[in-house]
């Protein structure tokens, strides 16, 4: 998985490419957790993510909790990823656009 970060003022945009699964989820958690200082909005760009596993969902949940009520959203997800969010109820936790 490739992880790209862009800081726009106090908004952090994380663009991912590849699979968010058991092997790559720890890398995402480590990369994002170390970048949350002074961030008031977090956006995950999933345009190039083709798969997300339960491990990926757990990491997103952990990151959302670290944001302590600040906005976290996921953009540009494909239909397969959107369906995972719908079926698991994660769409109620993290805004999916």
N, C-alpha and C. Protein backbone atom coordinates (compact mmCIF):
# COMPACT_ATOMS: atom_id res chain seq x y z
N UNK A 1 0.84 -1.17 0.00
CA UNK A 1 0.00 0.00 0.00
C UNK A 1 0.89 1.24 0.00
N UNK A 2 0.46 2.24 -0.73
CA UNK A 2 1.13 3.52 -0.76
C UNK A 2 0.29 4.51 0.03
N UNK A 3 0.94 5.27 0.91
CA UNK A 3 0.27 6.26 1.75
C UNK A 3 0.87 7.63 1.43
N UNK A 4 0.01 8.57 1.01
CA UNK A 4 0.46 9.93 0.74
C UNK A 4 -0.29 10.88 1.66
N UNK A 5 0.44 11.82 2.27
CA UNK A 5 -0.16 12.77 3.19
C UNK A 5 -0.03 14.18 2.64
N UNK A 6 -1.10 14.96 2.77
CA UNK A 6 -1.09 16.36 2.39
C UNK A 6 -1.73 17.15 3.53
N UNK A 7 -1.02 18.14 4.04
CA UNK A 7 -1.56 18.98 5.09
C UNK A 7 -2.00 20.29 4.46
N UNK A 8 -3.29 20.61 4.61
CA UNK A 8 -3.87 21.83 4.08
C UNK A 8 -4.40 22.63 5.26
N UNK A 9 -3.56 23.51 5.81
CA UNK A 9 -3.93 24.23 7.03
C UNK A 9 -4.01 23.23 8.18
N UNK A 10 -5.21 23.08 8.75
CA UNK A 10 -5.39 22.11 9.84
C UNK A 10 -6.15 20.87 9.37
N UNK A 11 -6.22 20.69 8.04
CA UNK A 11 -6.87 19.50 7.46
C UNK A 11 -5.79 18.59 6.89
N UNK A 12 -5.81 17.33 7.32
CA UNK A 12 -4.87 16.33 6.81
C UNK A 12 -5.60 15.41 5.86
N UNK A 13 -5.06 15.28 4.65
CA UNK A 13 -5.63 14.40 3.64
C UNK A 13 -4.67 13.22 3.47
N UNK A 14 -5.22 12.02 3.66
CA UNK A 14 -4.44 10.80 3.51
C UNK A 14 -4.96 10.07 2.27
N UNK A 15 -4.14 9.98 1.24
CA UNK A 15 -4.51 9.27 0.02
C UNK A 15 -3.85 7.89 0.06
N UNK A 16 -4.66 6.87 -0.12
CA UNK A 16 -4.18 5.50 -0.07
C UNK A 16 -4.27 4.86 -1.45
N UNK A 17 -3.36 3.93 -1.70
CA UNK A 17 -3.40 3.17 -2.95
C UNK A 17 -3.07 1.72 -2.64
N UNK A 18 -3.96 0.83 -3.05
CA UNK A 18 -3.74 -0.60 -2.82
C UNK A 18 -4.79 -1.19 -1.91
N UNK A 19 -4.37 -2.18 -1.11
CA UNK A 19 -5.27 -2.90 -0.22
C UNK A 19 -5.02 -2.48 1.23
N UNK A 20 -6.11 -2.23 1.95
CA UNK A 20 -6.02 -1.94 3.38
C UNK A 20 -6.44 -3.21 4.10
N UNK A 21 -5.44 -4.00 4.49
CA UNK A 21 -5.71 -5.32 5.06
C UNK A 21 -4.81 -5.58 6.27
N UNK A 22 -4.74 -6.82 6.71
CA UNK A 22 -3.97 -7.19 7.89
C UNK A 22 -2.50 -6.80 7.76
N UNK A 23 -1.95 -6.90 6.57
CA UNK A 23 -0.54 -6.57 6.37
C UNK A 23 -0.27 -5.08 6.34
N UNK A 24 -1.19 -4.29 5.82
CA UNK A 24 -0.93 -2.86 5.62
C UNK A 24 -1.57 -1.96 6.67
N UNK A 25 -2.57 -2.45 7.40
CA UNK A 25 -3.27 -1.63 8.39
C UNK A 25 -2.33 -1.07 9.47
N UNK A 26 -1.38 -1.86 10.00
CA UNK A 26 -0.47 -1.30 11.00
C UNK A 26 0.37 -0.13 10.46
N UNK A 27 0.75 -0.20 9.19
CA UNK A 27 1.51 0.90 8.59
C UNK A 27 0.68 2.17 8.55
N UNK A 28 -0.60 2.03 8.20
CA UNK A 28 -1.48 3.20 8.15
C UNK A 28 -1.65 3.80 9.55
N UNK A 29 -1.87 2.94 10.53
CA UNK A 29 -2.06 3.45 11.89
C UNK A 29 -0.82 4.20 12.37
N UNK A 30 0.34 3.64 12.13
CA UNK A 30 1.59 4.27 12.54
C UNK A 30 1.79 5.61 11.83
N UNK A 31 1.55 5.62 10.54
CA UNK A 31 1.76 6.83 9.72
C UNK A 31 0.81 7.95 10.14
N UNK A 32 -0.46 7.63 10.35
CA UNK A 32 -1.45 8.65 10.66
C UNK A 32 -1.33 9.10 12.12
N UNK A 33 -1.16 8.17 13.04
CA UNK A 33 -1.10 8.52 14.46
C UNK A 33 0.01 9.52 14.76
N UNK A 34 1.09 9.43 14.04
CA UNK A 34 2.19 10.36 14.24
C UNK A 34 2.00 11.69 13.55
N UNK A 35 0.87 11.88 12.89
CA UNK A 35 0.64 13.10 12.10
C UNK A 35 -0.57 13.91 12.55
N UNK A 36 -1.17 13.56 13.68
CA UNK A 36 -2.44 14.18 14.08
C UNK A 36 -2.31 15.46 14.90
N UNK A 37 -1.10 15.83 15.31
CA UNK A 37 -0.93 17.06 16.08
C UNK A 37 -1.41 18.26 15.25
N UNK A 38 -2.25 19.07 15.85
CA UNK A 38 -2.78 20.29 15.22
C UNK A 38 -3.70 20.02 14.03
N UNK A 39 -4.19 18.80 13.89
CA UNK A 39 -5.12 18.46 12.82
C UNK A 39 -6.54 18.53 13.37
N UNK A 40 -7.40 19.30 12.71
CA UNK A 40 -8.79 19.44 13.13
C UNK A 40 -9.77 18.77 12.18
N UNK A 41 -9.28 18.27 11.06
CA UNK A 41 -10.11 17.51 10.11
C UNK A 41 -9.23 16.50 9.42
N UNK A 42 -9.75 15.28 9.28
CA UNK A 42 -9.00 14.21 8.65
C UNK A 42 -9.82 13.63 7.51
N UNK A 43 -9.21 13.57 6.33
CA UNK A 43 -9.88 13.06 5.14
C UNK A 43 -9.06 11.90 4.58
N UNK A 44 -9.72 10.76 4.38
CA UNK A 44 -9.10 9.61 3.73
C UNK A 44 -9.59 9.57 2.29
N UNK A 45 -8.67 9.64 1.34
CA UNK A 45 -8.99 9.54 -0.09
C UNK A 45 -8.80 8.08 -0.49
N UNK A 46 -9.91 7.38 -0.74
CA UNK A 46 -9.89 5.95 -1.07
C UNK A 46 -10.06 5.70 -2.56
N UNK A 47 -9.79 6.69 -3.40
CA UNK A 47 -10.00 6.52 -4.84
C UNK A 47 -9.25 5.30 -5.38
N UNK A 48 -8.07 5.02 -4.85
CA UNK A 48 -7.25 3.93 -5.38
C UNK A 48 -7.17 2.74 -4.42
N UNK A 49 -8.12 2.65 -3.50
CA UNK A 49 -8.19 1.50 -2.60
C UNK A 49 -9.18 0.51 -3.19
N UNK A 50 -8.73 -0.72 -3.41
CA UNK A 50 -9.63 -1.71 -4.02
C UNK A 50 -10.15 -2.74 -3.04
N UNK A 51 -9.66 -2.69 -1.77
CA UNK A 51 -10.10 -3.69 -0.80
C UNK A 51 -9.84 -3.17 0.60
N UNK A 52 -10.77 -3.45 1.52
CA UNK A 52 -10.56 -3.14 2.94
C UNK A 52 -11.02 -4.34 3.76
N UNK A 53 -10.19 -4.75 4.71
CA UNK A 53 -10.52 -5.89 5.56
C UNK A 53 -10.96 -5.38 6.93
N UNK A 54 -11.32 -6.32 7.81
CA UNK A 54 -11.71 -5.93 9.16
C UNK A 54 -10.55 -5.25 9.89
N UNK A 55 -9.32 -5.65 9.59
CA UNK A 55 -8.16 -4.99 10.20
C UNK A 55 -8.09 -3.53 9.77
N UNK A 56 -8.40 -3.27 8.52
CA UNK A 56 -8.44 -1.89 8.03
C UNK A 56 -9.53 -1.08 8.71
N UNK A 57 -10.69 -1.70 8.90
CA UNK A 57 -11.79 -1.02 9.60
C UNK A 57 -11.40 -0.71 11.03
N UNK A 58 -10.74 -1.64 11.71
CA UNK A 58 -10.31 -1.41 13.10
C UNK A 58 -9.36 -0.22 13.19
N UNK A 59 -8.44 -0.12 12.25
CA UNK A 59 -7.49 0.99 12.25
C UNK A 59 -8.22 2.32 12.03
N UNK A 60 -9.16 2.33 11.11
CA UNK A 60 -9.92 3.56 10.87
C UNK A 60 -10.70 3.96 12.12
N UNK A 61 -11.27 2.99 12.81
CA UNK A 61 -12.00 3.26 14.05
C UNK A 61 -11.06 3.82 15.12
N UNK A 62 -9.89 3.23 15.27
CA UNK A 62 -8.92 3.70 16.25
C UNK A 62 -8.48 5.13 15.94
N UNK A 63 -8.26 5.42 14.67
CA UNK A 63 -7.86 6.77 14.27
C UNK A 63 -9.00 7.75 14.52
N UNK A 64 -10.23 7.33 14.20
CA UNK A 64 -11.39 8.20 14.42
C UNK A 64 -11.51 8.53 15.91
N UNK A 65 -11.26 7.58 16.77
CA UNK A 65 -11.33 7.82 18.21
C UNK A 65 -10.23 8.78 18.66
N UNK A 66 -9.05 8.69 18.07
CA UNK A 66 -7.96 9.61 18.41
C UNK A 66 -8.28 11.04 17.99
N UNK A 67 -9.15 11.19 17.00
CA UNK A 67 -9.53 12.53 16.55
C UNK A 67 -10.47 13.21 17.55
N UNK A 68 -10.99 12.47 18.51
CA UNK A 68 -11.75 13.01 19.64
C UNK A 68 -12.88 13.96 19.21
N UNK A 69 -13.72 13.45 18.30
CA UNK A 69 -14.89 14.22 17.89
C UNK A 69 -14.67 15.15 16.71
N UNK A 70 -13.44 15.33 16.29
CA UNK A 70 -13.16 16.17 15.12
C UNK A 70 -13.56 15.38 13.87
N UNK A 71 -13.92 16.09 12.80
CA UNK A 71 -14.41 15.41 11.60
C UNK A 71 -13.40 14.45 10.96
N UNK A 72 -13.91 13.26 10.63
CA UNK A 72 -13.16 12.26 9.88
C UNK A 72 -14.07 11.82 8.75
N UNK A 73 -13.57 11.87 7.52
CA UNK A 73 -14.41 11.42 6.40
C UNK A 73 -13.59 10.65 5.40
N UNK A 74 -14.29 9.87 4.63
CA UNK A 74 -13.71 9.03 3.60
C UNK A 74 -14.33 9.47 2.28
N UNK A 75 -13.50 9.75 1.30
CA UNK A 75 -14.00 10.21 0.00
C UNK A 75 -13.55 9.27 -1.11
N UNK A 76 -14.28 9.29 -2.19
CA UNK A 76 -13.95 8.59 -3.45
C UNK A 76 -13.83 7.08 -3.34
N UNK A 77 -14.56 6.48 -2.41
CA UNK A 77 -14.51 5.02 -2.26
C UNK A 77 -15.29 4.35 -3.39
N UNK A 78 -14.80 3.21 -3.85
CA UNK A 78 -15.52 2.47 -4.89
C UNK A 78 -16.71 1.73 -4.27
N UNK A 79 -17.50 1.09 -5.10
CA UNK A 79 -18.73 0.43 -4.63
C UNK A 79 -18.45 -0.70 -3.65
N UNK A 80 -17.39 -1.46 -3.86
CA UNK A 80 -17.06 -2.57 -2.97
C UNK A 80 -16.74 -2.06 -1.57
N UNK A 81 -15.92 -1.03 -1.49
CA UNK A 81 -15.55 -0.45 -0.19
C UNK A 81 -16.77 0.18 0.47
N UNK A 82 -17.58 0.89 -0.30
CA UNK A 82 -18.80 1.50 0.25
C UNK A 82 -19.73 0.43 0.83
N UNK A 83 -19.83 -0.68 0.14
CA UNK A 83 -20.69 -1.76 0.63
C UNK A 83 -20.18 -2.30 1.96
N UNK A 84 -18.87 -2.44 2.11
CA UNK A 84 -18.29 -2.89 3.37
C UNK A 84 -18.68 -1.92 4.50
N UNK A 85 -18.59 -0.63 4.23
CA UNK A 85 -18.96 0.37 5.23
C UNK A 85 -20.44 0.30 5.56
N UNK A 86 -21.27 0.09 4.56
CA UNK A 86 -22.72 -0.01 4.79
C UNK A 86 -23.08 -1.25 5.60
N UNK A 87 -22.55 -2.40 5.20
CA UNK A 87 -22.90 -3.66 5.83
C UNK A 87 -22.42 -3.72 7.29
N UNK A 88 -21.24 -3.15 7.55
CA UNK A 88 -20.66 -3.21 8.90
C UNK A 88 -21.17 -2.10 9.81
N UNK A 89 -21.82 -1.10 9.25
CA UNK A 89 -22.29 0.03 10.06
C UNK A 89 -21.24 1.11 10.25
N UNK A 90 -20.07 0.95 9.65
CA UNK A 90 -19.03 1.95 9.78
C UNK A 90 -19.40 3.27 9.11
N UNK A 91 -20.36 3.21 8.19
CA UNK A 91 -20.85 4.42 7.56
C UNK A 91 -21.53 5.34 8.55
N UNK A 92 -21.95 4.80 9.69
CA UNK A 92 -22.56 5.61 10.74
C UNK A 92 -21.50 6.23 11.64
N UNK A 93 -20.29 5.71 11.59
CA UNK A 93 -19.20 6.19 12.45
C UNK A 93 -18.32 7.20 11.71
N UNK A 94 -17.99 6.87 10.47
CA UNK A 94 -17.16 7.72 9.64
C UNK A 94 -17.97 8.16 8.44
N UNK A 95 -17.96 9.45 8.15
CA UNK A 95 -18.69 9.98 7.01
C UNK A 95 -18.08 9.46 5.72
N UNK A 96 -18.90 8.86 4.87
CA UNK A 96 -18.44 8.37 3.58
C UNK A 96 -19.11 9.20 2.50
N UNK A 97 -18.30 9.86 1.69
CA UNK A 97 -18.83 10.72 0.62
C UNK A 97 -18.47 10.14 -0.74
